[in-house]
């Protein structure tokens, strides 16, 4: 060790274990700290800080990045970082290890391990000549460090493959391999597959779950009444500890300890595990009959779910059938035929697109409406009222005869342009066919001078490919030629008719989404619902109507605004 390294240095001890359980239940962090505190004085290092992490180092976000950030901060005065071993520093492989370590070098912070694999000794291959370059200086231990980092990564993969693979297999056999859920507690049982995990009734929680199913089966109370009754009996959800993101040994909060809610009730009632059936990711969502009893029978489960979730058995196989929700709940996207105007009418408060959904009343009846919520305000218009307002507004929209003639001229010009493009496509096909025929003739000429059977074989294959391309192009050309030309006189007559009778496109179109699309074309800037309401009475309130259209009750023809958002 050089004299420079023998001088006292400030050190940071980095401790990491893979899981909070390992750090809390075991003594791995304590053992690492003890080893680090014994190692530091022997190497003339003064430990000024110890950072402990209880999380995996194989993830994309490395916990030791916090150590690096702390060490390179000049305010902390760190000169060396101590880790027990490379696999405690990272399990992300050589690339991640190299990236973390290289961040320390510009700040003259060394990384050392207790096992002695990492060496900070630098060798200059041109030192005997008195010269030094970036490429001539290297660390002799670099290869062994990278190999150790890769070994640590491979070890994680092997451990996880064995552990997760075994859990998947046991889950498919009907055992329980996860944390227990409300109403159950984890237990071990001797089985033909060894000592395996199962679920048993929780002495306090199980009674509440059974009560929920019992009340649901009786049908004397609605769901809110069941919630109130179970809460009255003393239901409280489990409490879980929330640990710090940086220091996982510290508990920063507690979750849970709350009374029952409707969502929790529905989640419990619809969970097949309470009937001893487990459909999950590791069983590929296939229901598996568990090696332990549920809290309720399958008959009770089916009765409590009232047909929404049904557990059955056919040919010795368990199946789960879920009732499909109504169509209005399935189509919640932008293209929802139930609420087609969501994209084309804005909220009068925030000028953002309205939502559309159906709310369920106390008697089970659904009330469809356009609304805006979750944006600092609440706005709602019943669907029937909304549609009637759209219809009244559309009744006022007209296209003047002058505009119809202008539109006809534009459409004819576009049609002629497309006809020229079609003619150009046919010419391109002709040129391509001619080029391929020339290429085929040249290939035939080359074959005449060849003596190698292999060469002749490849040339013949090329010739077949050329002939196939020619046939395909000729078929495409024939298809284009035989295609019946559009009778523009008929098309223009239809266009003129629909422009003079916009209500057929905007109100009587069978497809509601098409109606909404045509409605959106009326505007350069999409209107708010309030503007649509006032537009049938006060034209000054409509500022985004396209200049092509006028309103029947408009005194001066057009109401126009500068170009804005154009609907597709």
Protein backbone atom coordinates (compact mmCIF):
# COMPACT_ATOMS: atom_id res chain seq x y z
CA UNK A 1 0.00 0.00 0.00
CA UNK A 2 1.36 3.44 -0.99
CA UNK A 3 2.12 6.08 1.64
CA UNK A 4 -0.82 8.07 0.33
CA UNK A 5 -3.14 5.21 1.25
CA UNK A 6 -1.55 4.89 4.70
CA UNK A 7 -2.65 8.37 5.71
CA UNK A 8 -5.92 8.61 7.68
CA UNK A 9 -8.98 8.84 5.42
CA UNK A 10 -12.66 9.45 6.04
CA UNK A 11 -14.74 6.43 5.15
CA UNK A 12 -18.37 5.57 4.43
CA UNK A 13 -19.61 2.06 5.25
CA UNK A 14 -22.37 0.81 2.90
CA UNK A 15 -24.49 -2.08 4.19
CA UNK A 16 -27.16 -3.84 2.15
CA UNK A 17 -29.39 -6.91 2.52
CA UNK A 18 -31.87 -8.12 -0.07
CA UNK A 19 -35.15 -7.95 1.86
CA UNK A 20 -36.55 -6.09 4.86
CA UNK A 21 -37.28 -9.45 6.48
CA UNK A 22 -33.66 -10.48 6.17
CA UNK A 23 -32.58 -7.26 7.80
CA UNK A 24 -35.17 -7.27 10.57
CA UNK A 25 -35.35 -10.94 11.49
CA UNK A 26 -31.70 -11.85 10.82
CA UNK A 27 -28.43 -10.23 11.80
CA UNK A 28 -26.97 -9.68 8.34
CA UNK A 29 -26.77 -5.85 8.62
CA UNK A 30 -25.28 -6.07 12.11
CA UNK A 31 -22.72 -8.59 10.89
CA UNK A 32 -21.71 -6.34 8.01
CA UNK A 33 -21.43 -3.32 10.29
CA UNK A 34 -19.30 -5.28 12.74
CA UNK A 35 -16.99 -6.45 9.95
CA UNK A 36 -16.74 -2.91 8.56
CA UNK A 37 -15.95 -1.39 11.96
CA UNK A 38 -13.18 -3.93 12.49
CA UNK A 39 -11.83 -3.51 8.94
CA UNK A 40 -11.65 0.31 8.93
CA UNK A 41 -9.06 0.89 11.73
CA UNK A 42 -6.74 -1.78 10.29
CA UNK A 43 -6.59 0.25 7.06
CA UNK A 44 -6.31 3.65 8.75
CA UNK A 45 -9.90 4.61 7.81
CA UNK A 46 -12.06 6.76 10.04
CA UNK A 47 -15.71 5.74 9.65
CA UNK A 48 -17.82 8.89 9.61
CA UNK A 49 -21.06 7.44 8.23
CA UNK A 50 -22.88 4.12 7.85
CA UNK A 51 -25.72 3.74 5.37
CA UNK A 52 -27.97 0.65 5.51
CA UNK A 53 -30.33 -0.50 2.77
CA UNK A 54 -32.89 -3.30 2.96
CA UNK A 55 -33.74 -3.93 -0.69
CA UNK A 56 -32.61 -5.92 -3.70
CA UNK A 57 -29.62 -4.70 -5.73
CA UNK A 58 -30.77 -6.46 -8.92
CA UNK A 59 -33.37 -3.83 -9.76
CA UNK A 60 -33.08 -1.07 -12.35
CA UNK A 61 -32.79 1.61 -9.63
CA UNK A 62 -29.75 0.68 -7.57
CA UNK A 63 -29.89 1.37 -3.80
CA UNK A 64 -26.12 2.00 -3.81
CA UNK A 65 -26.68 5.01 -6.06
CA UNK A 66 -27.61 6.84 -2.85
CA UNK A 67 -24.23 5.81 -1.39
CA UNK A 68 -22.42 7.12 -4.47
CA UNK A 69 -24.33 10.41 -4.37
CA UNK A 70 -23.48 10.86 -0.69
CA UNK A 71 -19.80 9.98 -1.19
CA UNK A 72 -19.16 12.35 -4.11
CA UNK A 73 -20.74 15.31 -2.30
CA UNK A 74 -17.74 17.47 -1.27
CA UNK A 75 -19.60 18.63 1.86
CA UNK A 76 -19.42 15.12 3.32
CA UNK A 77 -15.65 14.77 2.95
CA UNK A 78 -15.73 11.05 2.03
CA UNK A 79 -12.53 9.56 0.61
CA UNK A 80 -13.31 5.85 0.61
CA UNK A 81 -16.45 3.68 0.45
CA UNK A 82 -16.33 0.29 2.21
CA UNK A 83 -18.57 -2.63 1.27
CA UNK A 84 -18.49 -6.19 2.51
CA UNK A 85 -18.27 -7.63 -1.03
CA UNK A 86 -19.17 -6.77 -4.60
CA UNK A 87 -22.47 -8.64 -4.40
CA UNK A 88 -23.45 -6.39 -1.44
CA UNK A 89 -22.61 -3.36 -3.63
CA UNK A 90 -24.67 -4.49 -6.62
CA UNK A 91 -26.09 -7.58 -8.27
CA UNK A 92 -26.77 -5.79 -11.55
CA UNK A 93 -23.76 -7.27 -13.34
CA UNK A 94 -20.51 -5.82 -14.64
CA UNK A 95 -22.11 -2.93 -16.53
CA UNK A 96 -23.99 -1.57 -13.51
CA UNK A 97 -20.98 -2.13 -11.26
CA UNK A 98 -18.74 -0.23 -13.68
CA UNK A 99 -21.20 2.66 -13.94
CA UNK A 100 -21.44 3.02 -10.16
CA UNK A 101 -17.70 2.80 -9.57
CA UNK A 102 -16.80 5.20 -12.40
CA UNK A 103 -18.92 7.91 -10.74
CA UNK A 104 -16.51 7.82 -7.77
CA UNK A 105 -13.25 8.18 -9.72
CA UNK A 106 -13.54 11.87 -10.77
CA UNK A 107 -13.99 12.79 -7.10
CA UNK A 108 -10.99 10.70 -5.94
CA UNK A 109 -13.23 8.43 -3.84
CA UNK A 110 -11.99 4.84 -3.62
CA UNK A 111 -14.22 1.77 -3.43
CA UNK A 112 -12.86 -1.14 -1.40
CA UNK A 113 -14.32 -4.41 -0.19
CA UNK A 114 -13.55 -6.37 2.97
CA UNK A 115 -12.78 -9.52 0.94
CA UNK A 116 -10.00 -7.76 -0.97
CA UNK A 117 -11.23 -8.31 -4.54
CA UNK A 118 -11.32 -4.59 -5.35
CA UNK A 119 -7.93 -2.91 -5.68
CA UNK A 120 -7.44 0.79 -6.34
CA UNK A 121 -3.83 0.35 -7.45
CA UNK A 122 -3.16 1.91 -10.87
CA UNK A 123 -0.45 0.71 -13.26
CA UNK A 124 1.02 2.84 -16.06
CA UNK A 125 2.46 0.68 -18.84
CA UNK A 126 4.61 3.61 -20.05
CA UNK A 127 5.94 4.61 -16.64
CA UNK A 128 9.47 3.43 -17.54
CA UNK A 129 9.44 5.93 -20.42
CA UNK A 130 8.12 8.79 -18.31
CA UNK A 131 4.90 9.07 -20.33
CA UNK A 132 1.25 8.59 -19.42
CA UNK A 133 -1.97 8.37 -21.43
CA UNK A 134 -5.52 7.50 -20.55
CA UNK A 135 -5.17 4.15 -22.29
CA UNK A 136 -1.83 3.35 -20.64
CA UNK A 137 -3.19 3.53 -17.07
CA UNK A 138 -5.26 0.59 -15.89
CA UNK A 139 -6.32 -1.32 -12.77
CA UNK A 140 -4.95 -4.89 -12.60
CA UNK A 141 -7.96 -6.00 -10.54
CA UNK A 142 -10.54 -4.67 -13.00
CA UNK A 143 -11.09 -8.01 -14.76
CA UNK A 144 -11.55 -9.91 -11.51
CA UNK A 145 -13.93 -7.19 -10.24
CA UNK A 146 -16.10 -7.41 -13.36
CA UNK A 147 -16.08 -11.21 -13.22
CA UNK A 148 -17.18 -11.09 -9.58
CA UNK A 149 -19.96 -8.62 -10.49
CA UNK A 150 -21.18 -10.96 -13.23
CA UNK A 151 -20.99 -13.92 -10.85
CA UNK A 152 -23.16 -12.00 -8.37
CA UNK A 153 -25.73 -11.33 -11.09
CA UNK A 154 -25.72 -14.99 -12.20
CA UNK A 155 -26.16 -16.05 -8.60
CA UNK A 156 -29.30 -13.92 -8.28
CA UNK A 157 -30.72 -15.44 -11.44
CA UNK A 158 -30.00 -18.98 -10.20
CA UNK A 159 -31.48 -18.28 -6.76
CA UNK A 160 -34.61 -16.65 -8.13
CA UNK A 161 -35.08 -19.33 -10.78
CA UNK A 162 -35.00 -22.05 -8.16
CA UNK A 163 -37.12 -20.18 -5.63
CA UNK A 164 -39.76 -18.68 -7.97
CA UNK A 165 -39.85 -21.83 -10.08
CA UNK A 166 -40.62 -23.91 -7.00
CA UNK A 167 -43.29 -21.44 -5.84
CA UNK A 168 -44.98 -21.52 -9.25
CA UNK A 169 -45.02 -25.32 -9.21
CA UNK A 170 -46.45 -25.49 -5.68
CA UNK A 171 -49.06 -22.81 -6.47
CA UNK A 172 -50.27 -24.95 -9.37
CA UNK A 173 -50.51 -27.93 -7.01
CA UNK A 174 -52.87 -25.96 -4.76
CA UNK A 175 -50.56 -24.70 -2.01
CA UNK A 176 -50.25 -21.09 -0.87
CA UNK A 177 -46.96 -19.31 -1.58
CA UNK A 178 -47.81 -15.66 -0.94
CA UNK A 179 -48.55 -13.42 2.02
CA UNK A 180 -51.83 -14.24 3.71
CA UNK A 181 -54.95 -12.23 2.91
CA UNK A 182 -57.61 -10.90 5.26
CA UNK A 183 -59.41 -13.70 7.07
CA UNK A 184 -56.52 -16.16 6.77
CA UNK A 185 -53.11 -16.71 8.30
CA UNK A 186 -50.15 -18.55 6.81
CA UNK A 187 -49.32 -22.01 8.14
CA UNK A 188 -47.15 -25.02 7.27
CA UNK A 189 -48.45 -28.55 6.78
CA UNK A 190 -46.71 -31.86 6.22
CA UNK A 191 -47.76 -33.13 2.79
CA UNK A 192 -46.62 -35.63 0.19
CA UNK A 193 -44.63 -32.74 -1.31
CA UNK A 194 -42.88 -31.99 2.00
CA UNK A 195 -43.69 -29.20 4.39
CA UNK A 196 -45.75 -26.78 2.32
CA UNK A 197 -47.58 -23.51 2.89
CA UNK A 198 -51.35 -23.38 3.35
CA UNK A 199 -53.90 -20.91 4.68
CA UNK A 200 -55.80 -21.34 7.94
CA UNK A 201 -58.62 -19.39 9.48
CA UNK A 202 -57.53 -16.28 11.28
CA UNK A 203 -58.95 -16.42 14.84
CA UNK A 204 -60.36 -12.88 14.68
CA UNK A 205 -60.66 -11.91 11.02
CA UNK A 206 -62.40 -15.05 9.66
CA UNK A 207 -65.65 -14.34 11.51
CA UNK A 208 -66.05 -10.99 9.74
CA UNK A 209 -65.55 -12.55 6.30
CA UNK A 210 -68.07 -15.29 7.05
CA UNK A 211 -70.53 -12.66 8.25
CA UNK A 212 -70.22 -10.77 4.95
CA UNK A 213 -71.06 -13.89 2.95
CA UNK A 214 -73.86 -14.83 5.33
CA UNK A 215 -75.56 -11.43 5.09
CA UNK A 216 -75.09 -11.35 1.31
CA UNK A 217 -76.79 -14.76 1.01
CA UNK A 218 -79.75 -13.75 3.20
CA UNK A 219 -80.48 -10.73 1.03
CA UNK A 220 -82.24 -8.84 3.81
CA UNK A 221 -79.72 -5.97 3.68
CA UNK A 222 -78.29 -4.04 0.77
CA UNK A 223 -74.51 -3.81 0.44
CA UNK A 224 -74.25 -0.58 2.41
CA UNK A 225 -76.33 -2.18 5.16
CA UNK A 226 -73.93 -5.14 5.21
CA UNK A 227 -70.99 -2.76 5.52
CA UNK A 228 -72.63 -0.95 8.42
CA UNK A 229 -73.50 -4.20 10.18
CA UNK A 230 -70.00 -5.68 9.87
CA UNK A 231 -68.44 -2.43 11.06
CA UNK A 232 -70.80 -2.43 14.01
CA UNK A 233 -69.45 -5.87 14.92
CA UNK A 234 -65.94 -4.40 15.12
CA UNK A 235 -64.35 -4.96 11.70
CA UNK A 236 -60.97 -3.24 11.27
CA UNK A 237 -58.65 -3.84 8.30
CA UNK A 238 -55.12 -5.12 8.83
CA UNK A 239 -52.36 -2.66 9.60
CA UNK A 240 -49.20 -2.73 7.48
CA UNK A 241 -45.98 -0.88 8.17
CA UNK A 242 -44.64 1.59 5.61
CA UNK A 243 -40.84 1.79 5.60
CA UNK A 244 -38.62 4.62 4.43
CA UNK A 245 -37.52 4.59 0.80
CA UNK A 246 -33.89 5.25 1.69
CA UNK A 247 -33.57 3.64 5.12
CA UNK A 248 -35.79 0.57 5.10
CA UNK A 249 -35.10 -0.12 8.77
CA UNK A 250 -37.23 2.90 9.72
CA UNK A 251 -41.00 2.70 9.93
CA UNK A 252 -42.43 5.97 8.62
CA UNK A 253 -46.15 5.21 8.69
CA UNK A 254 -48.87 2.60 9.13
CA UNK A 255 -51.50 1.65 6.58
CA UNK A 256 -54.83 0.05 7.33
CA UNK A 257 -56.76 -0.09 10.56
CA UNK A 258 -59.84 1.26 8.78
CA UNK A 259 -63.51 0.20 8.80
CA UNK A 260 -65.09 -1.77 5.98
CA UNK A 261 -66.07 0.02 2.77
CA UNK A 262 -68.20 -1.01 -0.18
CA UNK A 263 -65.17 -1.57 -2.45
CA UNK A 264 -63.48 -3.81 0.11
CA UNK A 265 -66.73 -5.74 0.59
CA UNK A 266 -67.08 -6.38 -3.15
CA UNK A 267 -63.42 -7.36 -3.43
CA UNK A 268 -63.81 -9.94 -0.64
CA UNK A 269 -67.14 -11.31 -1.89
CA UNK A 270 -65.76 -11.83 -5.42
CA UNK A 271 -62.44 -13.42 -4.39
CA UNK A 272 -62.62 -17.21 -5.05
CA UNK A 273 -59.85 -17.93 -2.52
CA UNK A 274 -62.48 -17.65 0.24
CA UNK A 275 -64.13 -20.72 -1.32
CA UNK A 276 -60.81 -22.57 -1.54
CA UNK A 277 -60.23 -21.86 -5.25
CA UNK A 278 -57.10 -20.03 -6.39
CA UNK A 279 -56.93 -18.42 -9.87
CA UNK A 280 -53.77 -16.31 -10.13
CA UNK A 281 -50.90 -15.31 -12.38
CA UNK A 282 -48.77 -18.32 -11.49
CA UNK A 283 -51.59 -20.71 -12.36
CA UNK A 284 -52.00 -18.78 -15.64
CA UNK A 285 -55.36 -17.55 -14.31
CA UNK A 286 -56.63 -21.11 -14.32
CA UNK A 287 -58.64 -21.88 -11.16
CA UNK A 288 -56.92 -24.46 -8.95
CA UNK A 289 -58.57 -26.23 -6.06
CA UNK A 290 -56.47 -25.47 -2.97
CA UNK A 291 -55.02 -28.03 -0.58
CA UNK A 292 -56.82 -26.24 2.24
CA UNK A 293 -60.42 -25.32 2.98
CA UNK A 294 -61.89 -21.93 2.27
CA UNK A 295 -63.87 -19.91 4.77
CA UNK A 296 -67.14 -20.61 2.94
CA UNK A 297 -68.45 -23.36 0.68
CA UNK A 298 -68.64 -22.99 -3.10
CA UNK A 299 -72.45 -22.96 -2.88
CA UNK A 300 -72.35 -20.08 -0.38
CA UNK A 301 -69.84 -18.22 -2.56
CA UNK A 302 -72.04 -18.55 -5.66
CA UNK A 303 -75.16 -17.53 -3.78
CA UNK A 304 -73.47 -14.48 -2.28
CA UNK A 305 -72.21 -13.34 -5.72
CA UNK A 306 -75.70 -13.64 -7.23
CA UNK A 307 -74.47 -14.77 -10.64
CA UNK A 308 -71.72 -12.18 -11.02
CA UNK A 309 -69.03 -14.76 -10.25
CA UNK A 310 -69.83 -18.47 -10.46
CA UNK A 311 -67.53 -21.35 -9.46
CA UNK A 312 -68.41 -24.66 -11.10
CA UNK A 313 -66.93 -28.03 -11.92
CA UNK A 314 -67.07 -29.91 -15.22
CA UNK A 315 -65.34 -33.20 -16.05
CA UNK A 316 -63.31 -32.93 -12.88
CA UNK A 317 -62.06 -29.44 -13.81
CA UNK A 318 -62.90 -26.35 -11.78
CA UNK A 319 -63.98 -23.27 -13.75
CA UNK A 320 -64.92 -19.70 -12.90
CA UNK A 321 -67.50 -17.83 -14.94
CA UNK A 322 -67.85 -14.08 -14.60
CA UNK A 323 -70.90 -12.20 -15.79
CA UNK A 324 -70.08 -9.71 -18.51
CA UNK A 325 -70.82 -6.10 -17.53
CA UNK A 326 -73.38 -4.13 -19.57
CA UNK A 327 -72.26 -2.75 -22.91
CA UNK A 328 -72.25 0.83 -21.67
CA UNK A 329 -69.62 -0.17 -19.09
CA UNK A 330 -67.49 -2.06 -21.62
CA UNK A 331 -67.22 0.89 -23.98
CA UNK A 332 -65.58 3.53 -21.86
CA UNK A 333 -63.10 4.75 -24.45
CA UNK A 334 -63.27 7.81 -26.68
CA UNK A 335 -65.23 5.91 -29.36
CA UNK A 336 -68.28 5.15 -27.29
CA UNK A 337 -71.49 5.00 -29.33
CA UNK A 338 -73.48 5.70 -26.16
CA UNK A 339 -71.75 9.09 -25.73
CA UNK A 340 -70.46 10.05 -29.20
CA UNK A 341 -70.11 13.80 -28.58
CA UNK A 342 -67.43 13.48 -25.85
CA UNK A 343 -64.72 14.60 -28.28
CA UNK A 344 -66.66 17.42 -29.87
CA UNK A 345 -68.31 19.42 -27.06
CA UNK A 346 -66.28 21.02 -24.28
CA UNK A 347 -66.99 21.71 -20.63
CA UNK A 348 -68.07 25.37 -20.16
CA UNK A 349 -65.94 25.66 -16.99
CA UNK A 350 -62.56 24.26 -18.11
CA UNK A 351 -63.06 24.02 -21.93
CA UNK A 352 -61.86 20.41 -21.86
CA UNK A 353 -63.73 17.45 -23.42
CA UNK A 354 -66.72 16.20 -21.46
CA UNK A 355 -66.90 12.68 -20.05
CA UNK A 356 -69.85 10.37 -20.63
CA UNK A 357 -71.13 7.67 -18.27
CA UNK A 358 -74.22 6.22 -16.62
CA UNK A 359 -74.70 6.50 -12.87
CA UNK A 360 -76.74 3.90 -11.01
CA UNK A 361 -79.61 5.03 -8.85
CA UNK A 362 -80.80 3.51 -5.59
CA UNK A 363 -83.43 1.42 -7.38
CA UNK A 364 -80.93 0.05 -9.88
CA UNK A 365 -81.90 2.34 -12.76
CA UNK A 366 -79.07 3.92 -14.77
CA UNK A 367 -79.00 7.61 -15.67
CA UNK A 368 -76.73 8.43 -18.65
CA UNK A 369 -75.19 11.88 -18.73
CA UNK A 370 -72.32 13.97 -20.07
CA UNK A 371 -70.28 15.40 -17.23
CA UNK A 372 -67.00 16.93 -16.13
CA UNK A 373 -65.48 16.12 -12.75
CA UNK A 374 -62.11 15.71 -11.08
CA UNK A 375 -60.89 19.04 -12.45
CA UNK A 376 -61.82 21.24 -9.52
CA UNK A 377 -65.48 21.52 -10.44
CA UNK A 378 -68.52 19.36 -11.21
CA UNK A 379 -70.73 19.80 -14.29
CA UNK A 380 -73.43 17.39 -15.51
CA UNK A 381 -76.01 17.36 -18.30
CA UNK A 382 -78.45 14.44 -18.73
CA UNK A 383 -77.93 12.67 -22.05
CA UNK A 384 -81.46 13.27 -23.34
CA UNK A 385 -81.24 16.98 -22.63
CA UNK A 386 -77.82 17.07 -24.25
CA UNK A 387 -79.00 15.28 -27.42
CA UNK A 388 -82.07 17.52 -27.69
CA UNK A 389 -79.84 20.60 -27.50
CA UNK A 390 -77.60 19.25 -30.27
CA UNK A 391 -80.66 18.54 -32.42
CA UNK A 392 -82.05 22.07 -31.95
CA UNK A 393 -78.71 23.58 -32.86
CA UNK A 394 -78.27 21.40 -35.97
CA UNK A 395 -81.72 22.45 -37.17
CA UNK A 396 -80.34 26.01 -37.41
CA UNK A 397 -77.28 25.12 -39.52
CA UNK A 398 -77.38 25.84 -43.26
CA UNK A 399 -74.96 25.98 -46.20
CA UNK A 400 -75.53 28.88 -48.60
CA UNK A 401 -75.88 28.14 -52.37
CA UNK A 402 -72.68 30.07 -53.05
CA UNK A 403 -70.76 27.85 -50.65
CA UNK A 404 -72.25 24.71 -52.18
CA UNK A 405 -70.90 25.71 -55.61
CA UNK A 406 -67.48 26.44 -54.12
CA UNK A 407 -67.42 23.06 -52.39
CA UNK A 408 -68.41 21.33 -55.62
CA UNK A 409 -65.49 22.94 -57.42
CA UNK A 410 -63.09 21.88 -54.65
CA UNK A 411 -64.37 18.29 -54.73
CA UNK A 412 -64.07 18.10 -58.54
CA UNK A 413 -60.52 19.41 -58.39
CA UNK A 414 -59.63 16.80 -55.75
CA UNK A 415 -61.25 14.05 -57.83
CA UNK A 416 -59.25 15.03 -60.93
CA UNK A 417 -56.08 15.07 -58.86
CA UNK A 418 -56.76 11.52 -57.64
CA UNK A 419 -57.54 10.36 -61.18
CA UNK A 420 -54.13 11.64 -62.25
CA UNK A 421 -52.54 9.72 -59.39
CA UNK A 422 -54.31 6.51 -60.46
CA UNK A 423 -53.11 7.05 -64.05
CA UNK A 424 -49.61 7.65 -62.72
CA UNK A 425 -49.78 4.37 -60.78
CA UNK A 426 -50.68 2.49 -63.97
CA UNK A 427 -47.72 4.05 -65.80
CA UNK A 428 -45.41 3.09 -62.93
CA UNK A 429 -46.62 -0.52 -63.15
CA UNK A 430 -45.99 -0.54 -66.92
CA UNK A 431 -42.44 0.76 -66.44
CA UNK A 432 -41.76 -1.82 -63.74
CA UNK A 433 -43.06 -4.69 -65.91
CA UNK A 434 -40.88 -3.54 -68.83
CA UNK A 435 -37.81 -3.36 -66.57
CA UNK A 436 -38.46 -6.85 -65.19
CA UNK A 437 -38.84 -8.30 -68.72
CA UNK A 438 -35.49 -6.81 -69.72
CA UNK A 439 -33.93 -8.23 -66.55
CA UNK A 440 -35.43 -11.64 -67.40
CA UNK A 441 -33.97 -11.60 -70.91
CA UNK A 442 -30.54 -10.68 -69.56
CA UNK A 443 -30.76 -13.55 -67.08
CA UNK A 444 -31.61 -15.96 -69.91
CA UNK A 445 -28.59 -14.75 -71.89
CA UNK A 446 -26.30 -15.31 -68.90
CA UNK A 447 -27.53 -18.88 -68.45
CA UNK A 448 -26.41 -19.72 -72.01
CA UNK A 449 -22.77 -19.03 -71.10
CA UNK A 450 -22.75 -20.85 -67.76
CA UNK A 451 -21.35 -24.35 -67.30
CA UNK A 452 -21.65 -24.72 -63.50
CA UNK A 453 -24.83 -26.53 -62.47
CA UNK A 454 -24.94 -24.64 -59.18
CA UNK A 455 -24.71 -21.27 -60.93
CA UNK A 456 -27.37 -22.29 -63.45
CA UNK A 457 -29.64 -23.38 -60.58
CA UNK A 458 -29.36 -20.00 -58.84
CA UNK A 459 -29.94 -18.11 -62.10
CA UNK A 460 -33.05 -20.19 -62.82
CA UNK A 461 -34.38 -19.37 -59.34
CA UNK A 462 -33.84 -15.66 -60.03
CA UNK A 463 -35.67 -16.03 -63.35
CA UNK A 464 -38.65 -17.66 -61.61
CA UNK A 465 -38.79 -14.81 -59.10
CA UNK A 466 -38.79 -12.27 -61.94
CA UNK A 467 -41.62 -14.07 -63.75
CA UNK A 468 -43.63 -14.21 -60.52
CA UNK A 469 -43.21 -10.45 -59.99
CA UNK A 470 -44.34 -9.79 -63.58
CA UNK A 471 -47.49 -11.89 -63.10
CA UNK A 472 -48.32 -10.09 -59.83
CA UNK A 473 -47.90 -6.64 -61.43
CA UNK A 474 -50.00 -7.57 -64.44
CA UNK A 475 -52.80 -8.80 -62.14
CA UNK A 476 -52.63 -5.51 -60.21
CA UNK A 477 -52.80 -3.53 -63.46
CA UNK A 478 -55.76 -5.58 -64.69
CA UNK A 479 -57.56 -4.98 -61.39
CA UNK A 480 -57.08 -1.23 -61.70
CA UNK A 481 -58.25 -1.21 -65.33
CA UNK A 482 -61.36 -3.28 -64.66
CA UNK A 483 -62.35 -1.20 -61.65
CA UNK A 484 -65.50 0.73 -62.49
CA UNK A 485 -64.88 4.48 -62.64
CA UNK A 486 -66.78 6.66 -60.22
CA UNK A 487 -69.77 8.44 -61.73
CA UNK A 488 -69.01 11.91 -60.49
CA UNK A 489 -72.38 13.25 -61.65
CA UNK A 490 -74.12 10.93 -59.21
CA UNK A 491 -71.61 11.69 -56.46
CA UNK A 492 -72.02 15.44 -56.91
CA UNK A 493 -75.78 15.08 -56.80
CA UNK A 494 -75.54 13.26 -53.47
CA UNK A 495 -73.13 15.86 -52.09
CA UNK A 496 -75.41 18.72 -53.09
CA UNK A 497 -78.42 16.96 -51.57
CA UNK A 498 -76.70 16.32 -48.23
CA UNK A 499 -75.34 19.87 -48.07
CA UNK A 500 -78.87 21.18 -48.56
CA UNK A 501 -80.23 18.68 -45.99
CA UNK A 502 -77.57 18.52 -43.28
CA UNK A 503 -80.01 16.97 -40.83
CA UNK A 504 -79.65 13.61 -42.65
CA UNK A 505 -75.92 13.56 -41.85
CA UNK A 506 -76.00 15.24 -38.46
CA UNK A 507 -79.17 13.80 -36.92
CA UNK A 508 -80.50 10.84 -38.91
CA UNK A 509 -77.23 9.00 -39.51
CA UNK A 510 -77.57 5.44 -38.15
CA UNK A 511 -74.03 5.37 -36.74
CA UNK A 512 -73.92 7.72 -33.75
CA UNK A 513 -70.12 8.05 -33.98
CA UNK A 514 -70.43 9.20 -37.60
CA UNK A 515 -73.05 11.75 -36.53
CA UNK A 516 -70.65 13.15 -33.95
CA UNK A 517 -67.79 13.26 -36.49
CA UNK A 518 -69.92 15.22 -38.96
CA UNK A 519 -71.01 17.52 -36.14
CA UNK A 520 -67.38 18.27 -35.32
CA UNK A 521 -66.73 19.40 -38.91
CA UNK A 522 -69.07 22.35 -38.33
CA UNK A 523 -66.49 24.07 -36.12
CA UNK A 524 -63.00 25.47 -36.46
CA UNK A 525 -62.83 25.65 -32.69
CA UNK A 526 -64.81 23.11 -30.70
CA UNK A 527 -67.63 24.77 -28.74
CA UNK A 528 -68.58 24.40 -25.10
CA UNK A 529 -72.00 23.02 -24.25
CA UNK A 530 -73.11 26.44 -23.03
CA UNK A 531 -72.22 27.96 -26.40
CA UNK A 532 -74.35 25.31 -28.12
CA UNK A 533 -77.26 26.17 -25.79
CA UNK A 534 -76.99 29.90 -26.46
CA UNK A 535 -76.29 29.34 -30.15
CA UNK A 536 -79.93 28.54 -30.81
CA UNK A 537 -80.88 31.90 -29.29
CA UNK A 538 -77.95 34.34 -29.31
CA UNK A 539 -75.56 33.86 -32.25
CA UNK A 540 -72.82 35.97 -30.70
CA UNK A 541 -72.19 33.14 -28.25
CA UNK A 542 -71.01 30.81 -31.04
CA UNK A 543 -67.47 31.90 -31.87
CA UNK A 544 -66.03 28.82 -33.55
CA UNK A 545 -68.51 27.98 -36.34
CA UNK A 546 -66.77 27.20 -39.63
CA UNK A 547 -67.28 29.95 -42.22
CA UNK A 548 -68.79 27.42 -44.66
CA UNK A 549 -71.90 27.21 -42.49
CA UNK A 550 -74.45 29.78 -41.36
CA UNK A 551 -77.30 29.63 -38.87
CA UNK A 552 -80.85 29.94 -40.04
CA UNK A 553 -81.60 32.72 -37.54
CA UNK A 554 -78.40 34.64 -38.31
CA UNK A 555 -79.11 38.29 -39.28
CA UNK A 556 -75.77 38.86 -41.00
CA UNK A 557 -74.83 35.48 -42.44
CA UNK A 558 -71.68 34.17 -40.78
CA UNK A 559 -70.26 34.05 -37.30
CA UNK A 560 -66.56 33.32 -37.67
CA UNK A 561 -63.48 33.05 -35.49
CA UNK A 562 -59.83 32.61 -36.39
CA UNK A 563 -58.62 29.16 -37.28
CA UNK A 564 -58.35 26.87 -34.28
CA UNK A 565 -58.66 23.20 -33.39
CA UNK A 566 -59.89 21.16 -36.36
CA UNK A 567 -61.63 17.86 -35.60
CA UNK A 568 -60.36 14.85 -37.52
